[in-house]
Protein backbone atom coordinates (compact mmCIF):
# COMPACT_ATOMS: atom_id res chain seq x y z
CA MET A 1 -0.26 -0.27 0.03
CA ALA A 2 1.32 3.42 -1.08
CA ILE A 3 2.50 5.67 1.68
CA THR A 4 3.08 9.68 1.62
CA TYR A 5 6.44 10.95 2.70
CA ASN A 6 5.09 12.57 6.11
CA ASP A 7 2.95 9.06 7.05
CA LEU A 8 6.57 7.32 6.49
CA TYR A 9 8.20 9.66 8.67
CA LEU A 10 5.76 9.78 11.04
CA ASP A 11 5.74 5.66 11.21
CA ILE A 12 9.79 5.47 11.20
CA ARG A 13 9.63 7.85 14.51
CA ARG A 14 6.91 5.88 15.90
CA GLN A 15 9.34 3.01 15.83
CA LEU A 16 12.17 4.57 16.77
CA ARG A 17 10.55 5.86 19.82
CA GLU A 18 9.09 2.08 21.06
CA ASN A 19 12.86 1.13 20.29
CA GLY A 20 14.24 3.28 22.78
CA ILE A 21 15.28 5.93 20.69
CA GLU A 22 15.82 9.66 22.57
CA ALA A 23 15.94 11.26 19.44
CA ALA A 24 13.03 9.53 17.71
CA THR A 25 12.38 12.82 15.80
CA LEU A 26 15.66 14.09 14.28
CA GLU A 27 16.55 10.75 13.58
CA ALA A 28 13.36 9.30 11.91
CA ARG A 29 14.02 13.16 9.48
CA GLU A 30 17.47 12.04 8.78
CA LEU A 31 16.51 8.39 7.41
CA VAL A 32 13.44 9.38 5.97
CA CYS A 33 15.43 12.26 3.73
CA LEU A 34 18.26 9.72 3.16
CA GLY A 35 16.25 6.99 1.93
CA LEU A 36 14.29 9.35 -0.13
CA GLY A 37 17.23 11.21 -1.69
CA LYS A 38 15.56 14.56 -0.15
CA SER A 39 16.35 17.19 1.50
CA ARG A 40 15.03 18.67 4.63
CA GLU A 41 13.22 21.53 2.73
CA ASP A 42 12.48 19.04 0.17
CA LEU A 43 10.84 16.72 2.88
CA VAL A 44 8.69 19.48 4.12
CA ARG A 45 7.47 20.41 1.02
CA ASP A 46 6.55 17.58 -0.66
CA SER A 47 5.24 15.66 2.59
CA ARG A 48 1.90 14.86 0.83
CA PHE A 49 3.84 12.96 -2.30
CA TYR A 50 3.72 8.94 -2.35
CA ALA A 51 7.00 6.84 -1.77
CA GLY A 52 8.17 4.92 -4.51
CA THR A 53 8.26 1.01 -3.70
CA VAL A 54 12.10 1.12 -3.98
CA GLN A 55 12.11 4.67 -1.55
CA GLU A 56 10.36 2.85 0.88
CA GLN A 57 12.30 -0.30 1.01
CA ARG A 58 15.73 1.68 1.28
CA VAL A 59 14.39 3.60 4.24
CA ARG A 60 13.30 0.66 5.90
CA ALA A 61 16.43 -0.68 5.45
CA LEU A 62 18.36 2.27 6.79
CA VAL A 63 16.04 2.09 9.53
CA ASP A 64 16.68 -2.02 10.44
CA ARG A 65 20.51 -0.68 10.95
CA ARG A 66 19.68 1.94 13.18
CA LEU A 67 17.69 -0.58 15.77
CA ALA A 68 20.88 -2.94 15.00
CA GLY A 69 22.64 -0.41 16.40
CA GLU A 70 24.61 1.57 13.64
CA PRO A 71 24.36 5.32 14.54
CA VAL A 72 22.80 7.39 12.55
CA ALA A 73 25.25 9.93 11.84
CA TYR A 74 27.34 6.92 10.38
CA LEU A 75 24.78 5.58 8.20
CA THR A 76 23.91 9.39 6.72
CA GLY A 77 27.87 10.35 6.38
CA GLU A 78 27.42 13.55 8.18
CA TRP A 79 26.53 15.65 11.43
CA GLU A 80 26.43 18.77 12.84
CA PHE A 81 29.04 20.27 15.57
CA TYR A 82 28.35 24.02 16.71
CA GLY A 83 26.29 25.15 13.43
CA LEU A 84 29.05 23.17 10.99
CA PRO A 85 28.17 20.52 8.71
CA LEU A 86 31.01 17.42 9.05
CA ASP A 87 31.61 14.71 7.04
CA ILE A 88 31.60 11.56 9.40
CA THR A 89 32.51 7.92 8.94
CA ARG A 90 33.49 5.41 11.10
CA GLU A 91 36.95 6.57 11.48
CA VAL A 92 36.34 9.35 14.13
CA LEU A 93 34.06 9.68 16.67
CA ILE A 94 30.52 11.54 15.84
CA PRO A 95 30.80 14.72 17.83
CA ARG A 96 28.43 14.95 21.03
CA ALA A 97 26.44 18.04 22.20
CA ASP A 98 28.32 17.91 25.45
CA THR A 99 32.05 18.89 23.25
CA GLU A 100 30.59 22.08 22.46
CA VAL A 101 31.01 23.18 26.21
CA LEU A 102 34.41 22.72 24.89
CA ALA A 103 34.31 24.54 21.94
CA GLU A 104 32.40 27.45 23.59
CA GLN A 105 34.95 27.77 26.17
CA ALA A 106 37.68 27.75 23.93
CA ILE A 107 36.02 29.98 21.60
CA ALA A 108 35.21 32.54 24.38
CA TYR A 109 39.04 32.48 25.48
CA VAL A 110 40.82 32.74 21.61
CA GLN A 111 38.45 35.58 20.68
CA LYS A 112 39.92 37.83 23.14
CA LEU A 113 43.52 36.91 22.19
CA GLY A 114 43.21 38.49 18.91
CA GLU A 115 45.71 36.72 16.50
CA CYS A 116 46.58 33.78 18.24
CA ARG A 117 47.71 29.93 17.39
CA VAL A 118 45.48 26.91 18.54
CA LEU A 119 45.79 23.20 18.70
CA ASP A 120 42.94 20.78 18.58
CA LEU A 121 44.74 17.77 19.70
CA CYS A 122 43.14 14.46 19.22
CA ALA A 123 41.11 16.50 16.72
CA GLY A 124 38.94 13.27 14.96
CA SER A 125 36.48 15.20 12.69
CA GLY A 126 38.44 18.20 13.43
CA CYS A 127 34.56 19.48 15.23
CA ILE A 128 36.32 21.63 18.02
CA GLY A 129 39.21 23.41 15.79
CA LEU A 130 37.12 23.82 13.41
CA ALA A 131 34.56 25.48 15.43
CA VAL A 132 37.30 27.43 17.02
CA ALA A 133 38.53 28.33 13.69
CA HIS A 134 35.01 29.69 12.52
CA LYS A 135 34.25 31.56 15.11
CA ALA A 136 38.03 33.07 15.87
CA PRO A 137 38.77 34.03 12.13
CA ASN A 138 42.14 35.69 13.68
CA CYS A 139 43.02 32.23 15.18
CA LYS A 140 45.26 29.49 13.24
CA VAL A 141 44.20 26.21 14.12
CA VAL A 142 46.01 22.92 13.50
CA LEU A 143 44.30 19.95 13.90
CA GLY A 144 46.70 17.63 15.56
CA GLU A 145 45.45 13.72 14.99
CA LEU A 146 47.35 10.36 14.35
CA SER A 147 45.18 8.30 12.46
CA ASP A 148 45.07 8.65 8.54
CA GLY A 149 41.46 7.81 8.26
CA ALA A 150 40.69 10.58 10.95
CA LEU A 151 42.93 13.34 8.93
CA LYS A 152 41.46 12.70 5.43
CA ILE A 153 37.87 13.35 7.14
CA CYS A 154 39.65 16.88 8.58
CA ARG A 155 41.01 17.54 5.04
CA GLN A 156 37.17 17.01 3.90
CA ASN A 157 35.55 19.15 6.91
CA ILE A 158 38.39 22.28 6.05
CA ARG A 159 37.26 22.08 2.70
CA ARG A 160 33.20 21.71 3.06
CA ASN A 161 33.24 24.64 5.71
CA GLY A 162 35.92 27.00 3.89
CA LEU A 163 38.13 27.33 6.00
CA SER A 164 41.62 25.96 4.05
CA GLY A 165 43.20 29.94 5.16
CA ARG A 166 42.28 29.41 8.92
CA ALA A 167 42.63 25.20 9.43
CA VAL A 168 45.46 22.76 8.65
CA PRO A 169 45.61 19.62 9.81
CA VAL A 170 48.90 17.86 10.57
CA GLN A 171 49.87 13.91 11.76
CA ALA A 172 50.47 13.90 15.75
CA ASP A 173 50.65 11.85 18.28
CA ALA A 174 49.43 12.68 21.67
CA ARG A 175 50.96 10.46 23.40
CA ALA A 176 54.44 11.01 21.78
CA VAL A 177 56.96 14.27 22.66
CA PRO A 178 55.81 17.47 20.22
CA ASP A 179 57.77 17.62 17.34
CA GLN A 180 59.39 21.01 17.18
CA THR A 181 58.13 22.09 13.63
CA LEU A 182 54.69 22.35 14.99
CA GLY A 183 55.82 25.45 17.18
CA LEU A 184 54.25 26.95 20.22
CA PHE A 185 51.20 27.67 20.91
CA GLN A 186 48.52 29.79 22.77
CA CYS A 187 45.63 27.41 23.28
CA ILE A 188 45.76 23.79 23.23
CA VAL A 189 42.17 22.17 23.28
CA SER A 190 41.47 18.48 23.30
CA ASN A 191 38.71 16.08 24.31
CA PRO A 192 40.91 12.64 24.61
CA PRO A 193 40.05 9.28 24.85
CA TYR A 194 38.76 9.07 28.29
CA ILE A 195 36.86 5.63 28.59
CA PRO A 196 38.83 2.87 31.08
CA SER A 197 39.79 0.47 29.10
CA ALA A 198 37.44 -2.50 31.33
CA ASP A 199 34.47 -0.78 30.65
CA ILE A 200 34.33 -0.11 27.21
CA ALA A 201 32.43 -4.00 26.71
CA GLY A 202 29.89 -2.60 28.39
CA LEU A 203 28.75 0.67 26.63
CA ASP A 204 26.01 1.30 24.34
CA ILE A 205 26.44 -1.57 21.29
CA SER A 206 26.18 1.83 18.79
CA VAL A 207 29.48 3.13 20.64
CA LYS A 208 31.32 0.23 21.07
CA ASP A 209 30.76 -1.72 17.89
CA PHE A 210 30.99 1.08 15.41
CA GLU A 211 33.07 3.92 17.06
CA PRO A 212 36.60 3.97 17.04
CA ARG A 213 38.17 1.85 20.07
CA ALA A 214 41.13 4.08 19.60
CA ALA A 215 39.33 7.05 20.06
CA LEU A 216 37.83 5.96 23.17
CA ASP A 217 39.84 3.89 25.32
CA GLY A 218 41.46 5.99 27.67
CA GLY A 219 43.75 3.33 29.68
CA PRO A 220 42.96 1.37 32.64
CA ASP A 221 41.74 4.38 34.46
CA GLY A 222 41.00 6.25 31.84
CA LEU A 223 43.27 9.05 32.26
CA ASP A 224 46.42 8.00 30.36
CA PHE A 225 45.92 11.10 27.74
CA TYR A 226 45.31 13.55 30.27
CA ARG A 227 48.71 13.02 31.71
CA THR A 228 50.56 12.33 28.51
CA ILE A 229 49.10 15.79 27.27
CA SER A 230 49.55 17.63 30.26
CA GLU A 231 53.45 16.50 31.08
CA GLY A 232 54.40 16.28 27.52
CA TRP A 233 52.34 18.68 25.35
CA LYS A 234 52.86 21.88 27.78
CA ARG A 235 56.41 21.83 25.78
CA ALA A 236 54.25 23.28 22.47
CA LEU A 237 51.70 25.86 25.47
CA LEU A 238 53.26 29.01 25.60
CA PRO A 239 53.88 30.41 29.49
CA GLY A 240 50.15 31.89 30.00
CA GLY A 241 48.63 29.93 27.53
CA ARG A 242 45.99 27.29 28.60
CA LEU A 243 44.71 23.86 28.15
CA TYR A 244 41.49 22.91 27.95
CA PHE A 245 40.16 19.15 28.17
CA GLU A 246 36.96 17.53 27.86
CA VAL A 247 36.69 15.01 30.90
CA GLY A 248 33.99 11.87 31.26
CA ILE A 249 31.80 11.51 34.45
CA GLY A 250 33.69 11.85 37.74
CA GLN A 251 36.98 12.41 35.68
CA ALA A 252 37.37 16.34 36.53
CA ASP A 253 38.68 16.27 39.90
CA HIS A 254 41.55 13.58 38.84
CA VAL A 255 42.48 16.10 35.65
CA LEU A 256 42.65 18.75 37.81
CA ARG A 257 45.30 17.44 39.86
CA ILE A 258 47.11 16.24 37.10
CA MET A 259 47.05 19.46 35.51
CA ARG A 260 48.21 21.30 38.69
CA SER A 261 51.35 18.45 39.18
CA GLN A 262 52.34 19.72 35.61
CA GLY A 263 52.69 23.81 36.30
CA PHE A 264 49.27 24.71 35.71
CA GLY A 265 47.31 27.61 37.57
CA ASP A 266 43.77 29.72 37.63
CA ILE A 267 42.39 25.68 37.09
CA GLU A 268 38.34 26.24 36.37
CA ILE A 269 35.90 23.06 36.08
CA VAL A 270 32.87 23.91 33.61
CA GLU A 271 29.72 22.42 33.81
CA ASP A 272 27.84 21.22 30.93
CA LEU A 273 23.64 21.34 30.23
CA ARG A 274 23.16 18.86 32.65
CA GLY A 275 25.31 19.91 35.60
CA ILE A 276 28.10 17.23 34.50
CA PRO A 277 31.13 18.95 34.99
CA ARG A 278 32.90 18.53 31.48
CA VAL A 279 35.91 20.58 31.14
CA VAL A 280 38.67 21.51 32.99
CA PHE A 281 40.82 24.29 31.97
CA GLY A 282 44.36 25.71 33.11
CA THR A 283 46.96 28.57 32.57
CA LEU A 284 50.49 27.44 31.91
CA CYS A 285 52.31 29.76 35.12
CA THR A 286 55.81 28.07 34.63
CA GLU A 287 58.78 27.95 31.65
CA ILE A 288 59.68 24.92 30.28
């Protein structure tokens, strides 16, 4: 039986809700648009049109994959972060709304500096660094990432958002001593892997089975990258510069102590919209 675009959307939304998917409204729209080959505007404008059999089958096949755990961002190949459209593949983590708190804090800081250099370390899709480059046009942003696959996505997202003059991708290992050729930065921002290794098996299937483990695994206690970045990468930070971290639930006080032990002062903790301590940042007080 033929079904209109709107009724198909409503049916998919109901199905997602019944399966416990919180963002059912958003995800239903994205899946229907992808399966129909329509834009969001097309879907609204043509809501009374009837979907062809092949179109409906494509939509329902996508829904089956979603219900099997595959995230919508990997199905559609894109996601939005801080107002920027981003290419997304399974080579990178899907940007979370919580991470916008980190971007917002870094943007507010560098906007006051004027011309400066910013490093987004463990850049993944480049979402944080590109948000900074977009909102603080006087900054030069380096997207530091180890994974070749992620660096490819960084390059695509730089081009997609017209930020070629403001951002550059560079291969960088957060666990190694920074290459001196990178130069010095007034701000380093990082959303590093912070899930304790043993906890990964208990994560939602959409995370543990689809997102890159290397971008999740923070070592036995989840704090490995905070230690190595605070100790090693302060060499790439100008005295008086700031280091910004996103942290996991229950990690803020641990990260604060790590940063303090490495010569950072004026350390602050910022909560996300749910009241969870999400960002820790501090100022490098001593010359290295």
